[in-house]
Amino acid sequence: MEIFLEKGENDSTIVKVIEHEMNDDEAGIKQLMGQTEGWANFLACLKAYLEYGINLRKGAFDFMKP
């Protein structure tokens, strides 16, 4: 996986996430969909934190703890 940050117009930042080596089958497609949703969520949370100081991820995964 690679992450690229590029300067955009009006003091914005363009984030590019490139995933590598996923299977070309149904399992690979499901993995790709999950990864895409995960990155979208992560970037939305990062934006909220950087712009407003709000940590949307705090406690978000507590249900996964044993």
Protein backbone atom coordinates (compact mmCIF):
# COMPACT_ATOMS: atom_id res chain seq x y z
CA MET A 1 0.00 0.00 0.00
CA GLU A 2 1.15 3.52 -0.76
CA ILE A 3 -0.22 6.88 0.39
CA PHE A 4 0.51 10.07 -1.55
CA LEU A 5 -0.28 13.61 -0.43
CA GLU A 6 -0.39 16.35 -3.06
CA LYS A 7 -0.99 20.05 -2.68
CA GLY A 8 -4.29 21.04 -4.26
CA GLU A 9 -5.93 24.35 -5.08
CA ASN A 10 -7.06 26.78 -2.38
CA ASP A 11 -4.76 25.30 0.29
CA SER A 12 -6.34 21.84 -0.04
CA THR A 13 -4.64 18.42 0.03
CA ILE A 14 -5.27 15.55 -2.36
CA VAL A 15 -4.81 12.11 -0.78
CA LYS A 16 -4.19 9.10 -3.02
CA VAL A 17 -4.18 5.60 -1.54
CA ILE A 18 -2.91 2.81 -3.77
CA GLU A 19 -3.47 -0.80 -2.74
CA HIS A 20 -1.44 -3.59 -4.32
CA GLU A 21 -1.80 -7.31 -5.02
CA MET A 22 -5.42 -8.25 -4.52
CA ASN A 23 -6.79 -11.43 -6.02
CA ASP A 24 -8.71 -11.18 -9.28
CA ASP A 25 -11.69 -13.13 -7.97
CA GLU A 26 -14.76 -12.69 -5.75
CA ALA A 27 -12.67 -12.73 -2.57
CA GLY A 28 -10.36 -10.04 -3.98
CA ILE A 29 -13.33 -7.88 -4.94
CA LYS A 30 -14.78 -8.18 -1.42
CA GLN A 31 -11.39 -7.27 0.04
CA LEU A 32 -11.12 -4.26 -2.28
CA MET A 33 -14.60 -3.05 -1.30
CA GLY A 34 -13.77 -3.39 2.40
CA GLN A 35 -10.47 -1.59 2.00
CA THR A 36 -12.14 1.24 0.06
CA GLU A 37 -14.78 1.72 2.77
CA GLY A 38 -12.11 1.55 5.46
CA TRP A 39 -9.93 4.22 3.83
CA ALA A 40 -12.92 6.48 3.21
CA ASN A 41 -13.86 6.23 6.89
CA PHE A 42 -10.29 6.78 8.05
CA LEU A 43 -9.86 9.88 5.88
CA ALA A 44 -13.18 11.34 7.04
CA CYS A 45 -12.10 10.82 10.65
CA LEU A 46 -8.69 12.35 9.95
CA LYS A 47 -10.35 15.41 8.40
CA ALA A 48 -12.61 15.87 11.45
CA TYR A 49 -9.60 15.61 13.76
CA LEU A 50 -7.33 17.95 11.81
CA GLU A 51 -9.94 20.61 11.10
CA TYR A 52 -12.05 20.52 14.27
CA GLY A 53 -10.11 18.51 16.87
CA ILE A 54 -12.87 15.87 17.00
CA ASN A 55 -11.70 12.24 17.40
CA LEU A 56 -14.41 10.21 15.66
CA ARG A 57 -12.45 6.97 16.07
CA LYS A 58 -12.22 7.10 19.88
CA GLY A 59 -14.29 4.22 21.15
CA ALA A 60 -15.42 3.29 17.64
CA PHE A 61 -13.88 -0.16 17.84
CA ASP A 62 -14.42 -0.93 21.54
CA PHE A 63 -17.04 -3.51 20.58
CA MET A 64 -14.23 -5.60 19.05
CA LYS A 65 -12.33 -6.00 22.34
CA PRO A 66 -12.67 -9.39 24.05
